[in-house]
């Protein structure tokens, strides 16, 4: 492109569109995260919600990578330019990348908690199953009460 400033502006416009989409995705993930940490029962998502969260996080990563690459391009291409709009955009997009990292960490931590709970529940179920097989609790206790007593 012959017009580097024009190309930068197009890149900034594309980045802004991505940022707007990211804001929506981040809001959605914040809702899921806050909802999952509100109650003691927490983190009981359906499988489809888990997939949606995973897909949204994947989208954040790929779009974040695009933003990062675009930022590097802008910073390298226009180091000497003192355009406040470009500097402001760089700050804004950098802040968005930090938000992506933060929400990613939150969901990673949440996934670890969920996995630990799942492992604990599985261990308890296994222990309960082993306990039942060693101590059968299905004995007919009423049958002794139904038997006539021997009266001699």
Protein backbone atom coordinates (compact mmCIF):
# COMPACT_ATOMS: atom_id res chain seq x y z
CA UNK A 1 0.00 0.00 0.00
CA UNK A 2 1.37 3.41 -0.95
CA UNK A 3 -0.28 5.18 1.98
CA UNK A 4 1.18 3.81 5.21
CA UNK A 5 -0.94 6.14 7.36
CA UNK A 6 -4.04 4.94 5.49
CA UNK A 7 -2.99 1.34 6.09
CA UNK A 8 -2.46 2.08 9.77
CA UNK A 9 -5.92 3.63 9.95
CA UNK A 10 -7.46 0.57 8.30
CA UNK A 11 -5.58 -1.64 10.76
CA UNK A 12 -6.81 0.50 13.66
CA UNK A 13 -10.39 0.30 12.35
CA UNK A 14 -10.16 -3.50 12.09
CA UNK A 15 -8.67 -3.66 15.57
CA UNK A 16 -11.48 -1.50 16.92
CA UNK A 17 -14.08 -3.82 15.41
CA UNK A 18 -12.30 -6.77 17.02
CA UNK A 19 -12.16 -4.91 20.31
CA UNK A 20 -15.91 -4.28 20.21
CA UNK A 21 -16.53 -7.99 19.66
CA UNK A 22 -14.09 -8.81 22.45
CA UNK A 23 -15.92 -6.51 24.85
CA UNK A 24 -19.11 -8.51 24.24
CA UNK A 25 -17.29 -11.81 24.66
CA UNK A 26 -15.57 -10.64 27.83
CA UNK A 27 -18.91 -9.48 29.26
CA UNK A 28 -20.40 -12.87 28.51
CA UNK A 29 -17.50 -14.67 30.17
CA UNK A 30 -17.60 -12.33 33.17
CA UNK A 31 -21.29 -13.19 33.57
CA UNK A 32 -20.56 -16.93 33.48
CA UNK A 33 -17.63 -16.51 35.85
CA UNK A 34 -19.56 -14.38 38.34
CA UNK A 35 -22.56 -16.71 38.15
CA UNK A 36 -20.36 -19.72 38.81
CA UNK A 37 -18.76 -18.18 41.88
CA UNK A 38 -21.95 -16.74 43.42
CA UNK A 39 -23.23 -19.77 45.24
CA UNK A 40 -21.93 -22.74 47.12
CA UNK A 41 -23.24 -25.10 44.45
CA UNK A 42 -21.35 -23.19 41.74
CA UNK A 43 -19.59 -24.48 38.68
CA UNK A 44 -22.42 -26.75 37.57
CA UNK A 45 -22.51 -25.81 33.92
CA UNK A 46 -24.15 -27.88 31.28
CA UNK A 47 -21.94 -29.45 28.67
CA UNK A 48 -23.13 -26.97 26.05
CA UNK A 49 -22.28 -24.03 28.35
CA UNK A 50 -18.82 -25.51 28.90
CA UNK A 51 -18.37 -25.73 25.12
CA UNK A 52 -19.58 -22.15 24.71
CA UNK A 53 -17.10 -20.91 27.32
CA UNK A 54 -14.28 -22.90 25.71
CA UNK A 55 -15.15 -21.59 22.24
CA UNK A 56 -15.35 -18.03 23.52
CA UNK A 57 -11.98 -18.36 25.24
CA UNK A 58 -10.52 -19.75 22.01
CA UNK A 59 -11.98 -16.77 20.14
CA UNK A 60 -10.43 -14.41 22.68
CA UNK A 61 -7.04 -16.05 22.23
CA UNK A 62 -7.08 -15.89 18.44
CA UNK A 63 -8.45 -12.36 18.33
CA UNK A 64 -6.02 -11.33 21.05
CA UNK A 65 -3.19 -12.74 18.95
CA UNK A 66 -4.42 -10.65 16.01
CA UNK A 67 -4.52 -7.54 18.19
CA UNK A 68 -1.03 -8.27 19.52
CA UNK A 69 0.40 -8.71 16.03
CA UNK A 70 -1.35 -5.56 14.82
CA UNK A 71 -0.02 -3.59 17.77
CA UNK A 72 3.50 -4.75 17.03
CA UNK A 73 3.07 -3.75 13.38
CA UNK A 74 1.80 -0.30 14.33
CA UNK A 75 4.51 0.25 16.91
CA UNK A 76 7.27 -0.81 14.52
CA UNK A 77 5.89 1.00 11.48
CA UNK A 78 5.27 4.29 13.19
CA UNK A 79 7.79 4.69 15.94
CA UNK A 80 8.59 8.19 14.78
CA UNK A 81 4.99 9.31 14.34
CA UNK A 82 3.65 11.33 17.20
CA UNK A 83 -0.02 10.80 16.42
CA UNK A 84 -1.96 10.83 19.64
CA UNK A 85 -4.74 8.73 18.08
CA UNK A 86 -2.29 5.91 17.36
CA UNK A 87 -0.79 6.12 20.85
CA UNK A 88 -4.27 6.16 22.38
CA UNK A 89 -5.26 3.13 20.31
CA UNK A 90 -2.15 1.28 21.42
CA UNK A 91 -3.02 1.93 25.07
CA UNK A 92 -6.63 0.86 24.53
CA UNK A 93 -5.72 -2.35 22.72
CA UNK A 94 -3.01 -3.15 25.25
CA UNK A 95 -5.61 -2.81 28.01
CA UNK A 96 -7.89 -5.18 26.10
CA UNK A 97 -5.11 -7.75 25.87
CA UNK A 98 -4.62 -7.49 29.62
CA UNK A 99 -8.35 -8.09 30.14
CA UNK A 100 -8.13 -11.18 27.94
CA UNK A 101 -5.25 -12.49 30.02
CA UNK A 102 -7.15 -11.80 33.24
CA UNK A 103 -10.36 -13.55 32.17
CA UNK A 104 -8.32 -16.43 30.80
CA UNK A 105 -6.60 -16.80 34.17
CA UNK A 106 -9.94 -16.63 35.99
CA UNK A 107 -11.38 -19.43 33.88
CA UNK A 108 -8.19 -21.47 34.18
CA UNK A 109 -8.43 -21.15 37.96
CA UNK A 110 -12.13 -22.00 37.80
CA UNK A 111 -11.41 -25.05 35.65
CA UNK A 112 -8.82 -26.19 38.18
CA UNK A 113 -11.34 -25.83 41.02
CA UNK A 114 -13.93 -27.69 38.96
CA UNK A 115 -11.46 -30.46 38.18
CA UNK A 116 -10.47 -30.79 41.85
CA UNK A 117 -14.13 -31.00 42.85
CA UNK A 118 -14.79 -33.59 40.17
CA UNK A 119 -11.79 -35.63 41.36
CA UNK A 120 -12.96 -35.36 44.99
CA UNK A 121 -16.49 -36.45 44.05
CA UNK A 122 -15.12 -39.35 42.03
CA UNK A 123 -12.93 -40.43 44.93
CA UNK A 124 -15.87 -40.25 47.34
CA UNK A 125 -18.05 -42.25 44.95
CA UNK A 126 -15.28 -44.83 44.57
CA UNK A 127 -14.86 -45.07 48.35
CA UNK A 128 -18.62 -45.42 48.80
CA UNK A 129 -18.78 -48.13 46.15
CA UNK A 130 -15.88 -50.00 47.75
CA UNK A 131 -17.50 -49.64 51.15
CA UNK A 132 -20.79 -51.07 49.86
CA UNK A 133 -19.06 -54.06 48.30
CA UNK A 134 -17.25 -54.82 51.57
CA UNK A 135 -20.22 -54.15 53.87
CA UNK A 136 -23.45 -55.18 52.14
CA UNK A 137 -26.19 -53.03 53.57
CA UNK A 138 -29.04 -54.75 51.80
CA UNK A 139 -29.63 -57.41 54.40
CA UNK A 140 -33.22 -58.12 55.21
CA UNK A 141 -33.40 -56.87 58.79
CA UNK A 142 -37.19 -57.12 58.93
CA UNK A 143 -37.12 -60.87 58.38
CA UNK A 144 -35.81 -61.48 61.92
CA UNK A 145 -38.72 -59.51 63.37
CA UNK A 146 -41.21 -61.48 61.26
CA UNK A 147 -40.01 -64.87 62.51
CA UNK A 148 -42.04 -66.43 65.26
CA UNK A 149 -40.14 -66.79 68.48
CA UNK A 150 -39.45 -70.26 69.67
CA UNK A 151 -41.52 -70.79 72.73
CA UNK A 152 -40.48 -73.97 74.47
